[in-house]
Amino acid sequence: MKVAKSLVIGAGGLLGRHVCSELARRNIEAVQARVPWSDQDESRAALADALHRALESGGDLTIWWCAGAGVTATPQTVLDAELNTLEGFVELVAVAGR
């Protein structure tokens, strides 16, 4: 039998905390990614580790991307770095799905 589980990225933030609470209420396993956002290489490594942990036991996986700090005054360089991290994670998911 496949086990439903989730990977929550940004679990420490406002939205992510509420997503984790709701998943727990529904008895859905949630792997929480601990991501050092200030370092792009470390962020990618942490996201890869969290993805692998979430995929270890097999079954269906739902990914909740609840991270992001961009607001109107956020510098373009910060937004570009965040987008680069997200794109790198999407590539990891694509490879893992093969």
PDB file of N, CA and C in Angstrom:
ATOM      1  N   MET A   1       0.841  -1.185   0.000  1.00  0.00           N
ATOM      2  CA  MET A   1       0.000   0.000   0.000  1.00  0.00           C
ATOM      3  C   MET A   1       0.886   1.249   0.000  1.00  0.00           C
ATOM      4  N   LYS A   2       0.574   2.210  -0.838  1.00  0.00           N
ATOM      5  CA  LYS A   2       1.332   3.456  -0.896  1.00  0.00           C
ATOM      6  C   LYS A   2       0.910   4.371   0.244  1.00  0.00           C
ATOM      7  N   VAL A   3       1.895   5.052   0.804  1.00  0.00           N
ATOM      8  CA  VAL A   3       1.644   5.964   1.908  1.00  0.00           C
ATOM      9  C   VAL A   3       1.674   7.389   1.372  1.00  0.00           C
ATOM     10  N   ALA A   4       0.642   8.174   1.662  1.00  0.00           N
ATOM     11  CA  ALA A   4       0.625   9.578   1.253  1.00  0.00           C
ATOM     12  C   ALA A   4       1.531  10.356   2.185  1.00  0.00           C
ATOM     13  N   LYS A   5       2.365  11.179   1.607  1.00  0.00           N
ATOM     14  CA  LYS A   5       3.234  12.023   2.431  1.00  0.00           C
ATOM     15  C   LYS A   5       3.512  13.316   1.683  1.00  0.00           C
ATOM     16  N   SER A   6       4.064  14.255   2.421  1.00  0.00           N
ATOM     17  CA  SER A   6       4.324  15.576   1.861  1.00  0.00           C
ATOM     18  C   SER A   6       5.725  16.043   2.223  1.00  0.00           C
ATOM     19  N   LEU A   7       6.274  16.873   1.368  1.00  0.00           N
ATOM     20  CA  LEU A   7       7.514  17.586   1.621  1.00  0.00           C
ATOM     21  C   LEU A   7       7.125  19.059   1.698  1.00  0.00           C
ATOM     22  N   VAL A   8       7.386  19.672   2.852  1.00  0.00           N
ATOM     23  CA  VAL A   8       7.019  21.075   3.046  1.00  0.00           C
ATOM     24  C   VAL A   8       8.289  21.917   3.085  1.00  0.00           C
ATOM     25  N   ILE A   9       8.418  22.770   2.099  1.00  0.00           N
ATOM     26  CA  ILE A   9       9.566  23.674   2.006  1.00  0.00           C
ATOM     27  C   ILE A   9       9.079  25.047   2.468  1.00  0.00           C
ATOM     28  N   GLY A  10       9.731  25.552   3.502  1.00  0.00           N
ATOM     29  CA  GLY A  10       9.280  26.791   4.107  1.00  0.00           C
ATOM     30  C   GLY A  10       8.373  26.516   5.301  1.00  0.00           C
ATOM     31  N   ALA A  11       8.559  25.366   5.933  1.00  0.00           N
ATOM     32  CA  ALA A  11       7.703  24.946   7.040  1.00  0.00           C
ATOM     33  C   ALA A  11       7.807  25.862   8.253  1.00  0.00           C
ATOM     34  N   GLY A  12       8.870  26.650   8.335  1.00  0.00           N
ATOM     35  CA  GLY A  12       9.039  27.545   9.472  1.00  0.00           C
ATOM     36  C   GLY A  12       8.328  28.872   9.322  1.00  0.00           C
ATOM     37  N   GLY A  13       7.810  29.139   8.137  1.00  0.00           N
ATOM     38  CA  GLY A  13       7.128  30.407   7.894  1.00  0.00           C
ATOM     39  C   GLY A  13       5.649  30.340   8.230  1.00  0.00           C
ATOM     40  N   LEU A  14       4.971  31.447   8.049  1.00  0.00           N
ATOM     41  CA  LEU A  14       3.554  31.551   8.384  1.00  0.00           C
ATOM     42  C   LEU A  14       2.714  30.532   7.619  1.00  0.00           C
ATOM     43  N   LEU A  15       2.827  30.521   6.311  1.00  0.00           N
ATOM     44  CA  LEU A  15       2.048  29.583   5.502  1.00  0.00           C
ATOM     45  C   LEU A  15       2.480  28.142   5.763  1.00  0.00           C
ATOM     46  N   GLY A  16       3.787  27.905   5.777  1.00  0.00           N
ATOM     47  CA  GLY A  16       4.295  26.553   5.967  1.00  0.00           C
ATOM     48  C   GLY A  16       3.876  25.929   7.280  1.00  0.00           C
ATOM     49  N   ARG A  17       3.873  26.720   8.356  1.00  0.00           N
ATOM     50  CA  ARG A  17       3.436  26.207   9.662  1.00  0.00           C
ATOM     51  C   ARG A  17       1.989  25.742   9.611  1.00  0.00           C
ATOM     52  N   HIS A  18       1.151  26.518   8.936  1.00  0.00           N
ATOM     53  CA  HIS A  18      -0.267  26.155   8.839  1.00  0.00           C
ATOM     54  C   HIS A  18      -0.467  24.930   7.951  1.00  0.00           C
ATOM     55  N   VAL A  19       0.317  24.825   6.890  1.00  0.00           N
ATOM     56  CA  VAL A  19       0.242  23.631   6.043  1.00  0.00           C
ATOM     57  C   VAL A  19       0.634  22.400   6.858  1.00  0.00           C
ATOM     58  N   CYS A  20       1.718  22.493   7.620  1.00  0.00           N
ATOM     59  CA  CYS A  20       2.160  21.362   8.454  1.00  0.00           C
ATOM     60  C   CYS A  20       1.105  20.988   9.489  1.00  0.00           C
ATOM     61  N   SER A  21       0.478  21.980  10.100  1.00  0.00           N
ATOM     62  CA  SER A  21      -0.576  21.711  11.084  1.00  0.00           C
ATOM     63  C   SER A  21      -1.743  20.969  10.443  1.00  0.00           C
ATOM     64  N   GLU A  22      -2.128  21.399   9.264  1.00  0.00           N
ATOM     65  CA  GLU A  22      -3.250  20.737   8.582  1.00  0.00           C
ATOM     66  C   GLU A  22      -2.879  19.323   8.149  1.00  0.00           C
ATOM     67  N   LEU A  23      -1.660  19.137   7.673  1.00  0.00           N
ATOM     68  CA  LEU A  23      -1.224  17.792   7.298  1.00  0.00           C
ATOM     69  C   LEU A  23      -1.237  16.872   8.515  1.00  0.00           C
ATOM     70  N   ALA A  24      -0.756  17.370   9.652  1.00  0.00           N
ATOM     71  CA  ALA A  24      -0.752  16.571  10.885  1.00  0.00           C
ATOM     72  C   ALA A  24      -2.187  16.224  11.288  1.00  0.00           C
ATOM     73  N   ARG A  25      -3.085  17.175  11.169  1.00  0.00           N
ATOM     74  CA  ARG A  25      -4.491  16.938  11.498  1.00  0.00           C
ATOM     75  C   ARG A  25      -5.074  15.816  10.639  1.00  0.00           C
ATOM     76  N   ARG A  26      -4.598  15.739   9.402  1.00  0.00           N
ATOM     77  CA  ARG A  26      -5.078  14.712   8.469  1.00  0.00           C
ATOM     78  C   ARG A  26      -4.239  13.435   8.518  1.00  0.00           C
ATOM     79  N   ASN A  27      -3.312  13.364   9.473  1.00  0.00           N
ATOM     80  CA  ASN A  27      -2.425  12.196   9.625  1.00  0.00           C
ATOM     81  C   ASN A  27      -1.597  11.917   8.376  1.00  0.00           C
ATOM     82  N   ILE A  28      -1.118  12.979   7.756  1.00  0.00           N
ATOM     83  CA  ILE A  28      -0.251  12.859   6.583  1.00  0.00           C
ATOM     84  C   ILE A  28       1.168  13.177   7.023  1.00  0.00           C
ATOM     85  N   GLU A  29       2.073  12.260   6.741  1.00  0.00           N
ATOM     86  CA  GLU A  29       3.485  12.450   7.091  1.00  0.00           C
ATOM     87  C   GLU A  29       4.037  13.664   6.351  1.00  0.00           C
ATOM     88  N   ALA A  30       4.750  14.524   7.080  1.00  0.00           N
ATOM     89  CA  ALA A  30       5.334  15.712   6.460  1.00  0.00           C
ATOM     90  C   ALA A  30       6.828  15.767   6.755  1.00  0.00           C
ATOM     91  N   VAL A  31       7.625  15.743   5.700  1.00  0.00           N
ATOM     92  CA  VAL A  31       9.061  15.969   5.822  1.00  0.00           C
ATOM     93  C   VAL A  31       9.259  17.471   5.685  1.00  0.00           C
ATOM     94  N   GLN A  32       9.944  18.061   6.652  1.00  0.00           N
ATOM     95  CA  GLN A  32      10.173  19.497   6.635  1.00  0.00           C
ATOM     96  C   GLN A  32      11.609  19.780   6.220  1.00  0.00           C
ATOM     97  N   ALA A  33      11.766  20.592   5.199  1.00  0.00           N
ATOM     98  CA  ALA A  33      13.101  20.962   4.724  1.00  0.00           C
ATOM     99  C   ALA A  33      13.651  22.089   5.586  1.00  0.00           C
ATOM    100  N   ARG A  34      14.849  21.904   6.101  1.00  0.00           N
ATOM    101  CA  ARG A  34      15.571  22.946   6.836  1.00  0.00           C
ATOM    102  C   ARG A  34      16.568  23.547   5.849  1.00  0.00           C
ATOM    103  N   VAL A  35      16.283  24.721   5.361  1.00  0.00           N
ATOM    104  CA  VAL A  35      17.060  25.297   4.264  1.00  0.00           C
ATOM    105  C   VAL A  35      17.767  26.579   4.695  1.00  0.00           C
ATOM    106  N   PRO A  36      19.107  26.630   4.541  1.00  0.00           N
ATOM    107  CA  PRO A  36      19.853  27.862   4.832  1.00  0.00           C
ATOM    108  C   PRO A  36      19.784  28.798   3.618  1.00  0.00           C
ATOM    109  N   TRP A  37      18.766  29.603   3.551  1.00  0.00           N
ATOM    110  CA  TRP A  37      18.475  30.401   2.357  1.00  0.00           C
ATOM    111  C   TRP A  37      19.568  31.395   1.995  1.00  0.00           C
ATOM    112  N   SER A  38      20.404  31.765   2.941  1.00  0.00           N
ATOM    113  CA  SER A  38      21.406  32.786   2.655  1.00  0.00           C
ATOM    114  C   SER A  38      22.559  32.273   1.795  1.00  0.00           C
ATOM    115  N   ASP A  39      22.674  30.959   1.627  1.00  0.00           N
ATOM    116  CA  ASP A  39      23.742  30.372   0.813  1.00  0.00           C
ATOM    117  C   ASP A  39      23.111  29.474  -0.250  1.00  0.00           C
ATOM    118  N   GLN A  40      23.242  29.866  -1.506  1.00  0.00           N
ATOM    119  CA  GLN A  40      22.577  29.156  -2.595  1.00  0.00           C
ATOM    120  C   GLN A  40      23.025  27.697  -2.715  1.00  0.00           C
ATOM    121  N   ASP A  41      24.319  27.436  -2.601  1.00  0.00           N
ATOM    122  CA  ASP A  41      24.816  26.061  -2.701  1.00  0.00           C
ATOM    123  C   ASP A  41      24.296  25.205  -1.552  1.00  0.00           C
ATOM    124  N   GLU A  42      24.327  25.754  -0.342  1.00  0.00           N
ATOM    125  CA  GLU A  42      23.819  25.017   0.807  1.00  0.00           C
ATOM    126  C   GLU A  42      22.308  24.826   0.714  1.00  0.00           C
ATOM    127  N   SER A  43      21.615  25.798   0.161  1.00  0.00           N
ATOM    128  CA  SER A  43      20.169  25.674  -0.028  1.00  0.00           C
ATOM    129  C   SER A  43      19.854  24.505  -0.950  1.00  0.00           C
ATOM    130  N   ARG A  44      20.558  24.435  -2.064  1.00  0.00           N
ATOM    131  CA  ARG A  44      20.331  23.333  -3.006  1.00  0.00           C
ATOM    132  C   ARG A  44      20.636  21.985  -2.373  1.00  0.00           C
ATOM    133  N   ALA A  45      21.714  21.917  -1.593  1.00  0.00           N
ATOM    134  CA  ALA A  45      22.078  20.663  -0.934  1.00  0.00           C
ATOM    135  C   ALA A  45      21.008  20.257   0.086  1.00  0.00           C
ATOM    136  N   ALA A  46      20.517  21.212   0.854  1.00  0.00           N
ATOM    137  CA  ALA A  46      19.487  20.924   1.852  1.00  0.00           C
ATOM    138  C   ALA A  46      18.185  20.486   1.186  1.00  0.00           C
ATOM    139  N   LEU A  47      17.832  21.125   0.085  1.00  0.00           N
ATOM    140  CA  LEU A  47      16.620  20.740  -0.646  1.00  0.00           C
ATOM    141  C   LEU A  47      16.753  19.344  -1.241  1.00  0.00           C
ATOM    142  N   ALA A  48      17.932  19.030  -1.774  1.00  0.00           N
ATOM    143  CA  ALA A  48      18.173  17.690  -2.322  1.00  0.00           C
ATOM    144  C   ALA A  48      18.060  16.644  -1.219  1.00  0.00           C
ATOM    145  N   ASP A  49      18.639  16.928  -0.055  1.00  0.00           N
ATOM    146  CA  ASP A  49      18.568  16.002   1.073  1.00  0.00           C
ATOM    147  C   ASP A  49      17.119  15.787   1.506  1.00  0.00           C
ATOM    148  N   ALA A  50      16.356  16.861   1.631  1.00  0.00           N
ATOM    149  CA  ALA A  50      14.958  16.750   2.047  1.00  0.00           C
ATOM    150  C   ALA A  50      14.143  15.953   1.030  1.00  0.00           C
ATOM    151  N   LEU A  51      14.399  16.179  -0.248  1.00  0.00           N
ATOM    152  CA  LEU A  51      13.685  15.435  -1.289  1.00  0.00           C
ATOM    153  C   LEU A  51      14.001  13.946  -1.191  1.00  0.00           C
ATOM    154  N   HIS A  52      15.255  13.618  -1.018  1.00  0.00           N
ATOM    155  CA  HIS A  52      15.643  12.204  -0.914  1.00  0.00           C
ATOM    156  C   HIS A  52      15.034  11.553   0.330  1.00  0.00           C
ATOM    157  N   ARG A  53      15.005  12.277   1.448  1.00  0.00           N
ATOM    158  CA  ARG A  53      14.384  11.744   2.668  1.00  0.00           C
ATOM    159  C   ARG A  53      12.896  11.496   2.441  1.00  0.00           C
ATOM    160  N   ALA A  54      12.253  12.415   1.733  1.00  0.00           N
ATOM    161  CA  ALA A  54      10.817  12.273   1.481  1.00  0.00           C
ATOM    162  C   ALA A  54      10.513  11.111   0.540  1.00  0.00           C
ATOM    163  N   LEU A  55      11.443  10.814  -0.357  1.00  0.00           N
ATOM    164  CA  LEU A  55      11.219   9.747  -1.336  1.00  0.00           C
ATOM    165  C   LEU A  55      11.663   8.374  -0.844  1.00  0.00           C
ATOM    166  N   GLU A  56      12.385   8.305   0.271  1.00  0.00           N
ATOM    167  CA  GLU A  56      12.974   7.059   0.760  1.00  0.00           C
ATOM    168  C   GLU A  56      11.987   5.903   0.880  1.00  0.00           C
ATOM    169  N   SER A  57      10.855   6.158   1.453  1.00  0.00           N
ATOM    170  CA  SER A  57       9.924   5.061   1.722  1.00  0.00           C
ATOM    171  C   SER A  57       8.965   4.772   0.569  1.00  0.00           C
ATOM    172  N   GLY A  58       9.155   5.431  -0.554  1.00  0.00           N
ATOM    173  CA  GLY A  58       8.278   5.194  -1.697  1.00  0.00           C
ATOM    174  C   GLY A  58       6.901   5.807  -1.472  1.00  0.00           C
ATOM    175  N   GLY A  59       5.999   5.494  -2.348  1.00  0.00           N
ATOM    176  CA  GLY A  59       4.646   6.041  -2.247  1.00  0.00           C
ATOM    177  C   GLY A  59       4.531   7.398  -2.909  1.00  0.00           C
ATOM    178  N   ASP A  60       3.332   7.917  -2.850  1.00  0.00           N
ATOM    179  CA  ASP A  60       3.045   9.212  -3.465  1.00  0.00           C
ATOM    180  C   ASP A  60       3.616  10.343  -2.604  1.00  0.00           C
ATOM    181  N   LEU A  61       4.045  11.396  -3.264  1.00  0.00           N
ATOM    182  CA  LEU A  61       4.613  12.546  -2.571  1.00  0.00           C
ATOM    183  C   LEU A  61       3.980  13.823  -3.106  1.00  0.00           C
ATOM    184  N   THR A  62       3.540  14.669  -2.178  1.00  0.00           N
ATOM    185  CA  THR A  62       3.054  16.000  -2.522  1.00  0.00           C
ATOM    186  C   THR A  62       4.078  16.997  -2.012  1.00  0.00           C
ATOM    187  N   ILE A  63       4.465  17.928  -2.867  1.00  0.00           N
ATOM    188  CA  ILE A  63       5.446  18.947  -2.481  1.00  0.00           C
ATOM    189  C   ILE A  63       4.716  20.275  -2.297  1.00  0.00           C
ATOM    190  N   TRP A  64       4.944  20.863  -1.134  1.00  0.00           N
ATOM    191  CA  TRP A  64       4.361  22.162  -0.794  1.00  0.00           C
ATOM    192  C   TRP A  64       5.495  23.184  -0.741  1.00  0.00           C
ATOM    193  N   TRP A  65       5.553  24.091  -1.699  1.00  0.00           N
ATOM    194  CA  TRP A  65       6.576  25.152  -1.692  1.00  0.00           C
ATOM    195  C   TRP A  65       5.948  26.368  -1.021  1.00  0.00           C
ATOM    196  N   CYS A  66       6.261  26.557   0.247  1.00  0.00           N
ATOM    197  CA  CYS A  66       5.705  27.651   1.048  1.00  0.00           C
ATOM    198  C   CYS A  66       6.772  28.685   1.372  1.00  0.00           C
ATOM    199  N   ALA A  67       7.860  28.655   0.643  1.00  0.00           N
ATOM    200  CA  ALA A  67       8.988  29.552   0.904  1.00  0.00           C
ATOM    201  C   ALA A  67       8.937  30.740  -0.045  1.00  0.00           C
ATOM    202  N   GLY A  68       9.600  31.779   0.354  1.00  0.00           N
ATOM    203  CA  GLY A  68       9.716  32.952  -0.504  1.00  0.00           C
ATOM    204  C   GLY A  68       9.616  34.208   0.325  1.00  0.00           C
ATOM    205  N   ALA A  69      10.529  35.096   0.090  1.00  0.00           N
ATOM    206  CA  ALA A  69      10.560  36.320   0.879  1.00  0.00           C
ATOM    207  C   ALA A  69      10.450  37.564   0.014  1.00  0.00           C
ATOM    208  N   GLY A  70      10.097  37.376  -1.238  1.00  0.00           N
ATOM    209  CA  GLY A  70      10.033  38.518  -2.141  1.00  0.00           C
ATOM    210  C   GLY A  70       8.834  39.412  -1.853  1.00  0.00           C
ATOM    211  N   VAL A  71       9.117  40.694  -1.730  1.00  0.00           N
ATOM    212  CA  VAL A  71       8.083  41.714  -1.589  1.00  0.00           C
ATOM    213  C   VAL A  71       8.392  42.830  -2.582  1.00  0.00           C
ATOM    214  N   THR A  72       7.590  43.836  -2.615  1.00  0.00           N
ATOM    215  CA  THR A  72       7.759  44.908  -3.597  1.00  0.00           C
ATOM    216  C   THR A  72       9.146  45.527  -3.582  1.00  0.00           C
ATOM    217  N   ALA A  73       9.745  45.686  -2.419  1.00  0.00           N
ATOM    218  CA  ALA A  73      11.045  46.352  -2.309  1.00  0.00           C
ATOM    219  C   ALA A  73      12.235  45.389  -2.358  1.00  0.00           C
ATOM    220  N   THR A  74      11.992  44.111  -2.614  1.00  0.00           N
ATOM    221  CA  THR A  74      13.089  43.148  -2.657  1.00  0.00           C
ATOM    222  C   THR A  74      13.972  43.419  -3.870  1.00  0.00           C
ATOM    223  N   PRO A  75      15.295  43.500  -3.678  1.00  0.00           N
ATOM    224  CA  PRO A  75      16.199  43.735  -4.814  1.00  0.00           C
ATOM    225  C   PRO A  75      16.128  42.591  -5.838  1.00  0.00           C
ATOM    226  N   GLN A  76      16.317  42.937  -7.078  1.00  0.00           N
ATOM    227  CA  GLN A  76      16.249  41.947  -8.159  1.00  0.00           C
ATOM    228  C   GLN A  76      17.243  40.810  -7.947  1.00  0.00           C
ATOM    229  N   THR A  77      18.413  41.112  -7.409  1.00  0.00           N
ATOM    230  CA  THR A  77      19.421  40.067  -7.191  1.00  0.00           C
ATOM    231  C   THR A  77      18.927  39.004  -6.213  1.00  0.00           C
ATOM    232  N   VAL A  78      18.191  39.428  -5.201  1.00  0.00           N
ATOM    233  CA  VAL A  78      17.639  38.477  -4.220  1.00  0.00           C
ATOM    234  C   VAL A  78      16.559  37.617  -4.881  1.00  0.00           C
ATOM    235  N   LEU A  79      15.702  38.248  -5.672  1.00  0.00           N
ATOM    236  CA  LEU A  79      14.659  37.497  -6.381  1.00  0.00           C
ATOM    237  C   LEU A  79      15.273  36.518  -7.375  1.00  0.00           C
ATOM    238  N   ASP A  80      16.322  36.940  -8.063  1.00  0.00           N
ATOM    239  CA  ASP A  80      16.999  36.057  -9.022  1.00  0.00           C
ATOM    240  C   ASP A  80      17.601  34.842  -8.321  1.00  0.00           C
ATOM    241  N   ALA A  81      18.203  35.060  -7.152  1.00  0.00           N
ATOM    242  CA  ALA A  81      18.788  33.950  -6.392  1.00  0.00           C
ATOM    243  C   ALA A  81      17.705  32.987  -5.933  1.00  0.00           C
ATOM    244  N   GLU A  82      16.584  33.515  -5.485  1.00  0.00           N
ATOM    245  CA  GLU A  82      15.468  32.674  -5.042  1.00  0.00           C
ATOM    246  C   GLU A  82      14.910  31.864  -6.213  1.00  0.00           C
ATOM    247  N   LEU A  83      14.754  32.507  -7.347  1.00  0.00           N
ATOM    248  CA  LEU A  83      14.261  31.814  -8.537  1.00  0.00           C
ATOM    249  C   LEU A  83      15.244  30.731  -8.978  1.00  0.00           C
ATOM    250  N   ASN A  84      16.525  31.025  -8.902  1.00  0.00           N
ATOM    251  CA  ASN A  84      17.550  30.052  -9.265  1.00  0.00           C
ATOM    252  C   ASN A  84      17.471  28.820  -8.367  1.00  0.00           C
ATOM    253  N   THR A  85      17.252  29.030  -7.078  1.00  0.00           N
ATOM    254  CA  THR A  85      17.118  27.918  -6.133  1.00  0.00           C
ATOM    255  C   THR A  85      15.877  27.093  -6.463  1.00  0.00           C
ATOM    256  N   LEU A  86      14.769  27.754  -6.738  1.00  0.00           N
ATOM    257  CA  LEU A  86      13.540  27.048  -7.106  1.00  0.00           C
ATOM    258  C   LEU A  86      13.741  26.245  -8.383  1.00  0.00           C
ATOM    259  N   GLU A  87      14.365  26.832  -9.392  1.00  0.00           N
ATOM    260  CA  GLU A  87      14.609  26.119 -10.650  1.00  0.00           C
ATOM    261  C   GLU A  87      15.496  24.897 -10.439  1.00  0.00           C
ATOM    262  N   GLY A  88      16.508  25.045  -9.595  1.00  0.00           N
ATOM    263  CA  GLY A  88      17.374  23.911  -9.281  1.00  0.00           C
ATOM    264  C   GLY A  88      16.600  22.790  -8.610  1.00  0.00           C
ATOM    265  N   PHE A  89      15.673  23.146  -7.723  1.00  0.00           N
ATOM    266  CA  PHE A  89      14.855  22.136  -7.053  1.00  0.00           C
ATOM    267  C   PHE A  89      13.929  21.437  -8.048  1.00  0.00           C
ATOM    268  N   VAL A  90      13.343  22.190  -8.956  1.00  0.00           N
ATOM    269  CA  VAL A  90      12.465  21.595  -9.975  1.00  0.00           C
ATOM    270  C   VAL A  90      13.254  20.590 -10.814  1.00  0.00           C
ATOM    271  N   GLU A  91      14.494  20.911 -11.130  1.00  0.00           N
ATOM    272  CA  GLU A  91      15.352  19.976 -11.871  1.00  0.00           C
ATOM    273  C   GLU A  91      15.589  18.694 -11.065  1.00  0.00           C
ATOM    274  N   LEU A  92      15.824  18.836  -9.752  1.00  0.00           N
ATOM    275  CA  LEU A  92      16.002  17.662  -8.892  1.00  0.00           C
ATOM    276  C   LEU A  92      14.769  16.783  -8.895  1.00  0.00           C
ATOM    277  N   VAL A  93      13.612  17.399  -8.810  1.00  0.00           N
ATOM    278  CA  VAL A  93      12.348  16.651  -8.803  1.00  0.00           C
ATOM    279  C   VAL A  93      12.166  15.930 -10.130  1.00  0.00           C
ATOM    280  N   ALA A  94      12.494  16.593 -11.227  1.00  0.00           N
ATOM    281  CA  ALA A  94      12.361  15.966 -12.548  1.00  0.00           C
ATOM    282  C   ALA A  94      13.269  14.736 -12.659  1.00  0.00           C
ATOM    283  N   VAL A  95      14.484  14.842 -12.188  1.00  0.00           N
ATOM    284  CA  VAL A  95      15.425  13.714 -12.237  1.00  0.00           C
ATOM    285  C   VAL A  95      14.930  12.589 -11.333  1.00  0.00           C
ATOM    286  N   ALA A  96      14.437  12.947 -10.157  1.00  0.00           N
ATOM    287  CA  ALA A  96      13.962  11.925  -9.202  1.00  0.00           C
ATOM    288  C   ALA A  96      12.738  11.190  -9.734  1.00  0.00           C
ATOM    289  N   GLY A  97      11.961  11.865 -10.563  1.00  0.00           N
ATOM    290  CA  GLY A  97      10.744  11.262 -11.101  1.00  0.00           C
ATOM    291  C   GLY A  97      10.965  10.314 -12.253  1.00  0.00           C
ATOM    292  N   ARG A  98      12.193  10.220 -12.719  1.00  0.00           N
ATOM    293  CA  ARG A  98      12.473   9.342 -13.857  1.00  0.00           C
ATOM    294  C   ARG A  98      12.647   7.925 -13.431  1.00  0.00           C
TER     295      ARG A  98
END
